[in-house]
Structure formats: C-alpha cells, structure tokens
Amino acid sequence: QVQLVESGGGLVQPGGSLRPSCTASGVDFSNNNLAWYRQLPGKQRELVAEISSQYITNYQGSLKYRFTISRDNFKNQLTLRMKSLKPDDPGIYLCYIPSRRPWEDDLWGKGIRVAVSS
C-alpha cells in the first residue's frame, strides 16, 4: 500500500525552527524525485523545495537561505529543515512524489500544519 506520512509540524515562535519529515512506503523511493509543497492561507499551493533522485536540490526563491531539503533512501524519508521561521511561513506543508510514468498517479501526503506565533 502506497503511503506518505508526514510528521514534525507544530507551533514555534518567530525565528524558531522545525524539521518536518515524510516517510514513504510502497514506492520506489530512491529512484523518485521528491518535493515539499506548502499551502499558505488564501494562496495557491506552491513549491517549497525539491530534491532529485541524484540529490540535486531546488528551492523557491529566497527559501533556500532558511530551508534545507534532504532525503534518506535507507529510511525512505524526506526531511525539510526550516529555520528562522517567519510569520508568513505558517500553513500546511505537504510531501510530494511526482509520478514517473504516465499511468501512475502523483503522490501527496496529507500535510502537516506549521504555525508561527509569539
């Protein structure tokens, strides 16, 4: 059974850090590109960061200065290290695995909530 399970969200103060992770099962994890998206209140879902099967990373704009995406193919785990969190970072963060073949579905986790408040 294919499953993406995120954990590690929560509430932090401005400037704080979180390290959400996504554990996958039932997928060929090591050969897939992976990504984190986020859904901010009132906005469309947007790419946060992605990492290829060859460990090449890409970030949305200036997020690269505060966020770090990584993968552990032995644990089938995708991680997003977030630091210096700002009041405009809160939202739902989702793990994503794009399909590699036309007949396969893209995979989305259910998402975790990140909140930033003093």
N, C-alpha and C. Protein backbone atom coordinates (compact mmCIF):
# COMPACT_ATOMS: atom_id res chain seq x y z
N GLN A 1 0.84 -1.20 0.00
CA GLN A 1 0.00 0.00 0.00
C GLN A 1 0.88 1.25 0.00
N VAL A 2 0.60 2.15 -0.93
CA VAL A 2 1.36 3.38 -1.04
C VAL A 2 0.92 4.35 0.04
N GLN A 3 1.88 4.91 0.73
CA GLN A 3 1.54 5.81 1.82
C GLN A 3 2.66 6.83 2.04
N LEU A 4 2.28 8.08 2.24
CA LEU A 4 3.20 9.13 2.63
C LEU A 4 2.70 9.69 3.94
N VAL A 5 3.54 9.65 4.95
CA VAL A 5 3.13 10.10 6.27
C VAL A 5 4.08 11.18 6.76
N GLU A 6 3.54 12.37 6.95
CA GLU A 6 4.35 13.48 7.44
C GLU A 6 4.25 13.60 8.94
N SER A 7 5.29 14.14 9.53
CA SER A 7 5.30 14.42 10.96
C SER A 7 6.26 15.57 11.21
N GLY A 8 6.16 16.15 12.40
CA GLY A 8 7.12 17.18 12.76
C GLY A 8 6.65 18.61 12.60
N GLY A 9 5.37 18.80 12.34
CA GLY A 9 4.85 20.16 12.31
C GLY A 9 4.64 20.66 13.72
N GLY A 10 4.13 21.89 13.83
CA GLY A 10 3.84 22.42 15.15
C GLY A 10 3.86 23.92 15.20
N LEU A 11 3.87 24.43 16.42
CA LEU A 11 3.86 25.87 16.67
C LEU A 11 5.21 26.31 17.21
N VAL A 12 5.78 27.32 16.59
CA VAL A 12 7.03 27.87 17.06
C VAL A 12 6.93 29.39 17.10
N GLN A 13 7.83 29.99 17.82
CA GLN A 13 7.91 31.45 17.85
C GLN A 13 8.66 31.94 16.61
N PRO A 14 8.45 33.19 16.23
CA PRO A 14 9.23 33.74 15.12
C PRO A 14 10.72 33.56 15.36
N GLY A 15 11.40 33.13 14.31
CA GLY A 15 12.82 32.84 14.44
C GLY A 15 13.12 31.42 14.83
N GLY A 16 12.09 30.67 15.14
CA GLY A 16 12.27 29.29 15.56
C GLY A 16 12.50 28.34 14.41
N SER A 17 12.65 27.06 14.75
CA SER A 17 12.96 26.04 13.75
C SER A 17 12.02 24.85 13.88
N LEU A 18 11.81 24.20 12.76
CA LEU A 18 11.08 22.94 12.71
C LEU A 18 11.77 22.03 11.71
N ARG A 19 11.53 20.75 11.88
CA ARG A 19 12.16 19.79 10.97
C ARG A 19 11.14 18.70 10.62
N PRO A 20 10.18 19.02 9.80
CA PRO A 20 9.20 18.00 9.42
C PRO A 20 9.82 16.93 8.54
N SER A 21 9.27 15.74 8.62
CA SER A 21 9.73 14.65 7.80
C SER A 21 8.55 13.93 7.17
N CYS A 22 8.85 13.19 6.14
CA CYS A 22 7.84 12.43 5.40
C CYS A 22 8.39 11.04 5.17
N THR A 23 7.69 10.05 5.65
CA THR A 23 8.13 8.67 5.46
C THR A 23 7.23 7.99 4.45
N ALA A 24 7.84 7.39 3.46
CA ALA A 24 7.10 6.77 2.37
C ALA A 24 7.14 5.25 2.47
N SER A 25 6.07 4.64 2.03
CA SER A 25 6.03 3.18 1.95
C SER A 25 5.29 2.80 0.67
N GLY A 26 5.68 1.67 0.12
CA GLY A 26 5.01 1.18 -1.08
C GLY A 26 5.42 1.88 -2.36
N VAL A 27 6.52 2.64 -2.31
CA VAL A 27 7.01 3.32 -3.51
C VAL A 27 8.49 3.02 -3.70
N ASP A 28 8.94 3.20 -4.93
CA ASP A 28 10.35 3.04 -5.26
C ASP A 28 11.06 4.34 -4.88
N PHE A 29 11.26 4.54 -3.60
CA PHE A 29 11.65 5.84 -3.06
C PHE A 29 12.95 6.36 -3.67
N SER A 30 13.97 5.53 -3.70
CA SER A 30 15.30 6.00 -4.09
C SER A 30 15.36 6.48 -5.53
N ASN A 31 14.49 6.01 -6.38
CA ASN A 31 14.53 6.38 -7.80
C ASN A 31 13.56 7.51 -8.15
N ASN A 32 12.93 8.06 -7.15
CA ASN A 32 11.97 9.13 -7.38
C ASN A 32 12.51 10.49 -6.99
N ASN A 33 12.09 11.51 -7.75
CA ASN A 33 12.26 12.87 -7.30
C ASN A 33 11.24 13.12 -6.19
N LEU A 34 11.60 14.01 -5.27
CA LEU A 34 10.74 14.28 -4.11
C LEU A 34 10.61 15.78 -3.91
N ALA A 35 9.58 16.19 -3.22
CA ALA A 35 9.40 17.62 -3.00
C ALA A 35 8.54 17.90 -1.79
N TRP A 36 8.69 19.10 -1.27
CA TRP A 36 7.79 19.67 -0.28
C TRP A 36 7.05 20.84 -0.93
N TYR A 37 5.76 20.86 -0.74
CA TYR A 37 4.93 21.98 -1.13
C TYR A 37 4.30 22.58 0.12
N ARG A 38 3.76 23.76 -0.03
CA ARG A 38 3.02 24.34 1.08
C ARG A 38 1.79 25.08 0.56
N GLN A 39 0.81 25.10 1.43
CA GLN A 39 -0.45 25.80 1.14
C GLN A 39 -0.61 26.88 2.20
N LEU A 40 -0.33 28.10 1.83
CA LEU A 40 -0.47 29.20 2.77
C LEU A 40 -1.91 29.69 2.73
N PRO A 41 -2.39 30.26 3.82
CA PRO A 41 -3.80 30.71 3.87
C PRO A 41 -4.14 31.67 2.74
N GLY A 42 -5.18 31.34 1.99
CA GLY A 42 -5.65 32.21 0.93
C GLY A 42 -4.81 32.20 -0.33
N LYS A 43 -3.85 31.27 -0.41
CA LYS A 43 -2.97 31.23 -1.57
C LYS A 43 -2.95 29.85 -2.20
N GLN A 44 -2.47 29.80 -3.43
CA GLN A 44 -2.37 28.52 -4.12
C GLN A 44 -1.19 27.72 -3.56
N ARG A 45 -1.30 26.42 -3.72
CA ARG A 45 -0.22 25.55 -3.30
C ARG A 45 1.04 25.91 -4.07
N GLU A 46 2.16 25.94 -3.39
CA GLU A 46 3.40 26.33 -4.03
C GLU A 46 4.54 25.41 -3.64
N LEU A 47 5.50 25.32 -4.54
CA LEU A 47 6.68 24.51 -4.29
C LEU A 47 7.55 25.19 -3.24
N VAL A 48 7.99 24.41 -2.27
CA VAL A 48 8.95 24.90 -1.29
C VAL A 48 10.35 24.49 -1.71
N ALA A 49 10.54 23.20 -1.94
CA ALA A 49 11.85 22.68 -2.32
C ALA A 49 11.66 21.29 -2.92
N GLU A 50 12.61 20.93 -3.75
CA GLU A 50 12.59 19.61 -4.36
C GLU A 50 13.99 19.04 -4.39
N ILE A 51 14.05 17.72 -4.41
CA ILE A 51 15.34 17.04 -4.47
C ILE A 51 15.20 15.87 -5.43
N SER A 52 16.12 15.78 -6.35
CA SER A 52 16.03 14.72 -7.35
C SER A 52 16.59 13.42 -6.80
N SER A 53 16.43 12.38 -7.58
CA SER A 53 16.98 11.08 -7.20
C SER A 53 18.51 11.14 -7.18
N GLN A 54 19.07 12.15 -7.84
CA GLN A 54 20.52 12.34 -7.84
C GLN A 54 20.95 13.39 -6.82
N TYR A 55 20.05 13.73 -5.91
CA TYR A 55 20.33 14.65 -4.81
C TYR A 55 20.52 16.10 -5.26
N ILE A 56 20.05 16.43 -6.44
CA ILE A 56 20.09 17.82 -6.89
C ILE A 56 18.89 18.54 -6.27
N THR A 57 19.14 19.67 -5.66
CA THR A 57 18.09 20.39 -4.95
C THR A 57 17.71 21.69 -5.67
N ASN A 58 16.48 22.10 -5.43
CA ASN A 58 15.97 23.35 -5.99
C ASN A 58 15.00 23.94 -4.98
N TYR A 59 15.06 25.25 -4.79
CA TYR A 59 14.22 25.90 -3.80
C TYR A 59 13.43 27.03 -4.43
N GLN A 60 12.33 27.34 -3.80
CA GLN A 60 11.56 28.51 -4.22
C GLN A 60 12.26 29.75 -3.72
N GLY A 61 12.76 30.54 -4.62
CA GLY A 61 13.32 31.84 -4.32
C GLY A 61 14.24 31.87 -3.11
N SER A 62 13.94 32.77 -2.21
CA SER A 62 14.82 33.01 -1.07
C SER A 62 14.68 31.98 0.04
N LEU A 63 13.76 31.02 -0.12
CA LEU A 63 13.62 30.00 0.92
C LEU A 63 14.90 29.19 1.08
N LYS A 64 15.73 29.18 0.05
CA LYS A 64 16.97 28.40 0.13
C LYS A 64 17.89 28.90 1.23
N TYR A 65 17.69 30.11 1.66
CA TYR A 65 18.55 30.65 2.71
C TYR A 65 18.09 30.23 4.11
N ARG A 66 16.88 29.67 4.20
CA ARG A 66 16.36 29.29 5.52
C ARG A 66 15.92 27.83 5.59
N PHE A 67 15.66 27.23 4.45
CA PHE A 67 15.15 25.85 4.42
C PHE A 67 16.17 24.93 3.75
N THR A 68 16.23 23.69 4.21
CA THR A 68 17.10 22.69 3.61
C THR A 68 16.34 21.39 3.43
N ILE A 69 16.29 20.91 2.22
CA ILE A 69 15.62 19.64 1.94
C ILE A 69 16.67 18.54 1.87
N SER A 70 16.32 17.38 2.39
CA SER A 70 17.25 16.25 2.34
C SER A 70 16.45 14.96 2.25
N ARG A 71 17.12 13.90 1.87
CA ARG A 71 16.47 12.61 1.76
C ARG A 71 17.37 11.53 2.32
N ASP A 72 16.73 10.50 2.85
CA ASP A 72 17.43 9.32 3.35
C ASP A 72 16.80 8.12 2.68
N ASN A 73 17.48 7.59 1.69
CA ASN A 73 16.91 6.49 0.91
C ASN A 73 16.88 5.18 1.70
N PHE A 74 17.66 5.08 2.74
CA PHE A 74 17.63 3.86 3.56
C PHE A 74 16.39 3.84 4.44
N LYS A 75 15.96 5.01 4.88
CA LYS A 75 14.78 5.11 5.72
C LYS A 75 13.52 5.46 4.93
N ASN A 76 13.68 5.67 3.60
CA ASN A 76 12.56 6.16 2.79
C ASN A 76 11.96 7.44 3.39
N GLN A 77 12.83 8.35 3.72
CA GLN A 77 12.40 9.54 4.46
C GLN A 77 12.88 10.81 3.77
N LEU A 78 11.97 11.76 3.67
CA LEU A 78 12.25 13.09 3.15
C LEU A 78 12.11 14.07 4.30
N THR A 79 13.05 14.98 4.41
CA THR A 79 13.06 15.92 5.53
C THR A 79 13.19 17.35 5.02
N LEU A 80 12.57 18.26 5.75
CA LEU A 80 12.71 19.68 5.44
C LEU A 80 13.13 20.40 6.71
N ARG A 81 14.34 20.86 6.75
CA ARG A 81 14.81 21.62 7.90
C ARG A 81 14.49 23.09 7.67
N MET A 82 13.71 23.64 8.57
CA MET A 82 13.28 25.03 8.44
C MET A 82 13.80 25.81 9.63
N LYS A 83 14.47 26.90 9.37
CA LYS A 83 14.97 27.75 10.43
C LYS A 83 14.55 29.19 10.18
N SER A 84 14.71 30.01 11.21
CA SER A 84 14.34 31.43 11.10
C SER A 84 12.93 31.59 10.57
N LEU A 85 12.01 30.83 11.13
CA LEU A 85 10.63 30.88 10.63
C LEU A 85 10.01 32.24 10.86
N LYS A 86 9.22 32.67 9.87
CA LYS A 86 8.63 33.99 9.87
C LYS A 86 7.11 33.90 9.99
N PRO A 87 6.49 34.99 10.33
CA PRO A 87 5.02 35.00 10.42
C PRO A 87 4.31 34.69 9.11
N ASP A 88 4.98 34.80 7.96
CA ASP A 88 4.32 34.47 6.69
C ASP A 88 4.64 33.06 6.22
N ASP A 89 5.27 32.25 7.06
CA ASP A 89 5.53 30.85 6.72
C ASP A 89 4.42 29.88 7.13
N PRO A 90 3.54 30.23 8.03
CA PRO A 90 2.54 29.26 8.50
C PRO A 90 1.61 28.77 7.40
N GLY A 91 1.29 27.48 7.47
CA GLY A 91 0.39 26.88 6.52
C GLY A 91 0.47 25.38 6.61
N ILE A 92 -0.01 24.71 5.59
CA ILE A 92 0.06 23.26 5.50
C ILE A 92 1.22 22.89 4.59
N TYR A 93 2.08 22.05 5.10
CA TYR A 93 3.25 21.59 4.34
C TYR A 93 3.02 20.14 3.93
N LEU A 94 3.22 19.88 2.64
CA LEU A 94 2.87 18.57 2.09
C LEU A 94 4.06 17.93 1.39
N CYS A 95 4.19 16.66 1.59
CA CYS A 95 5.18 15.84 0.90
C CYS A 95 4.62 15.42 -0.45
N TYR A 96 5.47 15.40 -1.47
CA TYR A 96 5.00 15.12 -2.83
C TYR A 96 5.99 14.26 -3.57
N ILE A 97 5.48 13.24 -4.25
CA ILE A 97 6.29 12.41 -5.14
C ILE A 97 5.63 12.42 -6.51
N PRO A 98 6.25 13.06 -7.49
CA PRO A 98 5.66 13.09 -8.83
C PRO A 98 5.73 11.71 -9.47
N SER A 99 4.76 11.42 -10.28
CA SER A 99 4.75 10.13 -10.96
C SER A 99 5.87 10.07 -11.99
N ARG A 100 6.41 8.90 -12.17
CA ARG A 100 7.50 8.71 -13.13
C ARG A 100 6.98 8.17 -14.46
N ARG A 101 5.75 7.68 -14.45
CA ARG A 101 5.19 7.09 -15.66
C ARG A 101 3.79 7.64 -15.89
N PRO A 102 3.37 7.75 -17.15
CA PRO A 102 2.07 8.38 -17.44
C PRO A 102 0.89 7.71 -16.76
N TRP A 103 0.98 6.42 -16.53
CA TRP A 103 -0.15 5.71 -15.96
C TRP A 103 -0.14 5.71 -14.44
N GLU A 104 0.85 6.33 -13.84
CA GLU A 104 0.93 6.39 -12.38
C GLU A 104 0.41 7.72 -11.87
N ASP A 105 -0.08 7.71 -10.66
CA ASP A 105 -0.57 8.94 -10.05
C ASP A 105 0.54 9.64 -9.29
N ASP A 106 0.46 10.96 -9.25
CA ASP A 106 1.31 11.71 -8.33
C ASP A 106 0.88 11.34 -6.90
N LEU A 107 1.82 11.40 -5.99
CA LEU A 107 1.53 11.05 -4.61
C LEU A 107 1.66 12.28 -3.71
N TRP A 108 0.66 12.46 -2.87
CA TRP A 108 0.67 13.57 -1.91
C TRP A 108 0.46 13.04 -0.50
N GLY A 109 1.19 13.60 0.45
CA GLY A 109 0.87 13.32 1.83
C GLY A 109 -0.34 14.14 2.24
N LYS A 110 -0.82 13.89 3.45
CA LYS A 110 -1.99 14.62 3.93
C LYS A 110 -1.63 16.01 4.43
N GLY A 111 -0.36 16.21 4.71
CA GLY A 111 0.09 17.52 5.13
C GLY A 111 0.20 17.67 6.63
N ILE A 112 1.06 18.57 7.03
CA ILE A 112 1.20 18.92 8.44
C ILE A 112 1.06 20.42 8.58
N ARG A 113 0.65 20.85 9.74
CA ARG A 113 0.45 22.28 9.97
C ARG A 113 1.68 22.89 10.63
N VAL A 114 2.10 23.99 10.06
CA VAL A 114 3.18 24.79 10.64
C VAL A 114 2.60 26.13 11.06
N ALA A 115 2.82 26.49 12.30
CA ALA A 115 2.30 27.75 12.83
C ALA A 115 3.45 28.53 13.46
N VAL A 116 3.43 29.83 13.27
CA VAL A 116 4.46 30.71 13.83
C VAL A 116 3.75 31.83 14.57
N SER A 117 3.98 31.89 15.86
CA SER A 117 3.31 32.92 16.65
C SER A 117 4.09 33.18 17.92
N SER A 118 4.10 34.43 18.33
CA SER A 118 4.74 34.76 19.60
C SER A 118 3.75 34.72 20.74
